[in-house]
Amino acid sequence: MLTNPLLLGGIAFEVAFTAALVYVPALQDLFGTASLPLDIVVLIATFPVLVWGADELQRARRRSHR
């Protein structure tokens, strides 16, 4: 999971940029965004974990069938 530093850097940039667009007041005015409630952020944060877990399970299944 940590073997591709460019991918990790890209993900970090994407998260930081999106957070800035959503939570920095000057950028909120410029782009017409609004802060998300905490319960929505927590809900959304579970999806990448679920997708990553499903992908890892699929890879493990494929490895075990070889």
Protein backbone atom coordinates (compact mmCIF):
# COMPACT_ATOMS: atom_id res chain seq x y z
CA MET A 1 0.00 0.00 0.00
CA LEU A 2 2.91 2.36 0.68
CA THR A 3 5.12 1.34 -2.23
CA ASN A 4 4.12 4.12 -4.66
CA PRO A 5 5.19 7.53 -3.29
CA LEU A 6 3.86 9.42 -6.33
CA LEU A 7 0.41 7.93 -5.86
CA LEU A 8 0.47 8.74 -2.14
CA GLY A 9 1.54 12.31 -2.89
CA GLY A 10 -1.24 12.67 -5.44
CA ILE A 11 -3.83 11.39 -2.98
CA ALA A 12 -2.53 13.73 -0.26
CA PHE A 13 -2.69 16.70 -2.65
CA GLU A 14 -6.21 15.78 -3.75
CA VAL A 15 -7.47 15.53 -0.17
CA ALA A 16 -5.80 18.79 0.86
CA PHE A 17 -7.05 20.67 -2.21
CA THR A 18 -10.61 19.40 -1.76
CA ALA A 19 -10.56 20.28 1.95
CA ALA A 20 -9.35 23.77 1.10
CA LEU A 21 -12.13 24.27 -1.45
CA VAL A 22 -14.74 23.15 1.05
CA TYR A 23 -13.49 24.69 4.31
CA VAL A 24 -11.45 27.85 3.52
CA PRO A 25 -13.92 30.78 3.65
CA ALA A 26 -12.32 32.75 0.77
CA LEU A 27 -12.42 29.68 -1.47
CA GLN A 28 -15.98 28.90 -0.35
CA ASP A 29 -17.06 32.31 -1.62
CA LEU A 30 -15.09 31.96 -4.86
CA PHE A 31 -16.32 28.46 -5.74
CA GLY A 32 -19.74 28.55 -4.06
CA THR A 33 -19.07 25.64 -1.71
CA ALA A 34 -20.20 25.06 1.87
CA SER A 35 -18.78 23.09 4.77
CA LEU A 36 -20.04 19.56 5.19
CA PRO A 37 -21.50 18.39 8.50
CA LEU A 38 -19.26 16.02 10.45
CA ASP A 39 -21.65 13.06 10.11
CA ILE A 40 -21.50 13.34 6.31
CA VAL A 41 -17.70 13.54 6.36
CA VAL A 42 -17.52 10.40 8.51
CA LEU A 43 -19.92 8.58 6.19
CA ILE A 44 -17.98 9.56 3.07
CA ALA A 45 -14.65 8.62 4.71
CA THR A 46 -15.77 4.99 4.99
CA PHE A 47 -16.14 4.47 1.24
CA PRO A 48 -12.43 4.46 0.27
CA VAL A 49 -11.75 1.95 3.04
CA LEU A 50 -14.56 -0.30 1.79
CA VAL A 51 -13.37 -0.13 -1.82
CA TRP A 52 -9.74 -0.79 -0.81
CA GLY A 53 -10.81 -3.72 1.37
CA ALA A 54 -12.93 -5.26 -1.40
CA ASP A 55 -10.03 -4.92 -3.83
CA GLU A 56 -7.62 -6.56 -1.40
CA LEU A 57 -10.06 -9.44 -0.83
CA GLN A 58 -10.38 -9.95 -4.58
CA ARG A 59 -6.59 -9.96 -5.00
CA ALA A 60 -6.19 -12.46 -2.14
CA ARG A 61 -8.81 -14.73 -3.71
CA ARG A 62 -7.03 -14.58 -7.06
CA ARG A 63 -3.67 -15.37 -5.43
CA SER A 64 -5.11 -18.36 -3.58
CA HIS A 65 -6.55 -19.86 -6.79
CA ARG A 66 -3.18 -19.87 -8.56
